[in-house]
Amino acid sequence: MTTKPYGSSNGVPVTDEVIERAATEAEVGYELDQLTPRPTGRPLIGSAPAKGLPVRFPPELRDQIRKRAEVDHVSESDVVRRAVADYLARPA
């Protein structure tokens, strides 16, 4: 049997040996009550599925959002959500 790599799965090379082991395991069968179902769709951000809101930003503001996201190690969307939540939490 060769060990020709077919790519990788989670950083582990997929070879003929890996495929053969997985096939043997599948043929034996799985305990269905021990399998963990994968959730479908995107994870919830709030109490229900979120809806998109297209917004345009001038280049200077977009640069500030990008830089803040890098500093905070979050997405640009997270920066915008936090900024809007902070703004709305202030008294009118």
Protein backbone atom coordinates (compact mmCIF):
# COMPACT_ATOMS: atom_id res chain seq x y z
CA MET A 1 0.00 0.00 0.00
CA THR A 2 1.30 3.45 -0.88
CA THR A 3 1.22 6.47 1.33
CA LYS A 4 0.40 8.96 -1.44
CA PRO A 5 -0.97 12.11 0.19
CA TYR A 6 -4.36 13.31 -1.11
CA GLY A 7 -4.33 16.57 0.79
CA SER A 8 -4.89 17.20 4.45
CA SER A 9 -7.68 17.31 7.00
CA ASN A 10 -7.17 19.64 9.97
CA GLY A 11 -3.46 19.75 9.11
CA VAL A 12 -3.10 15.93 9.05
CA PRO A 13 -2.00 14.49 5.70
CA VAL A 14 -4.64 12.19 4.18
CA THR A 15 -2.84 9.10 2.88
CA ASP A 16 -3.96 5.68 1.68
CA GLU A 17 -3.31 4.36 5.20
CA VAL A 18 -5.52 7.01 6.80
CA ILE A 19 -8.29 6.27 4.29
CA GLU A 20 -8.02 2.52 4.93
CA ARG A 21 -8.26 3.01 8.72
CA ALA A 22 -11.29 5.27 8.33
CA ALA A 23 -12.99 2.78 6.00
CA THR A 24 -12.37 -0.10 8.43
CA GLU A 25 -13.75 1.97 11.32
CA ALA A 26 -16.84 2.85 9.27
CA GLU A 27 -17.44 -0.77 8.27
CA VAL A 28 -17.41 -1.82 11.92
CA GLY A 29 -20.01 0.86 12.62
CA TYR A 30 -20.51 3.72 15.02
CA GLU A 31 -22.57 4.11 18.16
CA LEU A 32 -25.09 6.70 16.99
CA ASP A 33 -25.77 7.98 20.51
CA GLN A 34 -22.06 8.80 20.88
CA LEU A 35 -21.81 10.88 17.69
CA THR A 36 -21.92 14.63 18.18
CA PRO A 37 -24.12 16.37 15.63
CA ARG A 38 -22.61 19.44 14.01
CA PRO A 39 -24.65 22.61 14.24
CA THR A 40 -25.86 24.02 10.94
CA GLY A 41 -25.59 27.59 9.82
CA ARG A 42 -23.75 30.45 11.43
CA PRO A 43 -23.59 30.73 15.22
CA LEU A 44 -26.10 33.09 16.79
CA ILE A 45 -24.85 36.55 17.68
CA GLY A 46 -27.89 37.42 19.78
CA SER A 47 -31.21 35.81 20.63
CA ALA A 48 -32.09 35.02 16.99
CA PRO A 49 -30.39 34.73 13.61
CA ALA A 50 -28.86 38.08 12.70
CA LYS A 51 -29.73 40.02 9.56
CA GLY A 52 -27.16 41.92 7.55
CA LEU A 53 -27.25 45.69 7.25
CA PRO A 54 -25.21 47.07 4.35
CA VAL A 55 -23.40 50.24 5.42
CA ARG A 56 -20.87 52.33 3.52
CA PHE A 57 -17.88 53.89 5.29
CA PRO A 58 -15.49 56.54 4.00
CA PRO A 59 -11.95 55.19 3.48
CA GLU A 60 -10.57 56.97 6.55
CA LEU A 61 -13.18 55.46 8.87
CA ARG A 62 -12.79 52.05 7.26
CA ASP A 63 -9.03 52.23 7.96
CA GLN A 64 -9.73 53.06 11.60
CA ILE A 65 -12.13 50.11 11.87
CA ARG A 66 -9.58 47.76 10.31
CA LYS A 67 -6.78 48.95 12.59
CA ARG A 68 -8.97 48.61 15.71
CA ALA A 69 -9.97 45.09 14.65
CA GLU A 70 -6.30 44.14 14.33
CA VAL A 71 -5.45 45.60 17.76
CA ASP A 72 -8.42 43.89 19.44
CA HIS A 73 -7.96 40.63 17.46
CA VAL A 74 -11.59 40.66 16.34
CA SER A 75 -13.38 41.05 13.03
CA GLU A 76 -14.25 44.41 11.53
CA SER A 77 -17.92 43.48 11.98
CA ASP A 78 -17.33 43.02 15.72
CA VAL A 79 -15.78 46.50 15.94
CA VAL A 80 -18.81 48.03 14.20
CA ARG A 81 -21.31 46.07 16.35
CA ARG A 82 -19.54 47.17 19.54
CA ALA A 83 -19.41 50.80 18.41
CA VAL A 84 -23.12 50.84 17.55
CA ALA A 85 -24.04 49.14 20.85
CA ASP A 86 -21.96 51.68 22.81
CA TYR A 87 -23.54 54.56 20.92
CA LEU A 88 -27.08 53.29 21.49
CA ALA A 89 -26.43 52.64 25.19
CA ARG A 90 -25.80 56.37 25.76
CA PRO A 91 -28.72 58.60 26.73
CA ALA A 92 -30.32 60.39 23.77
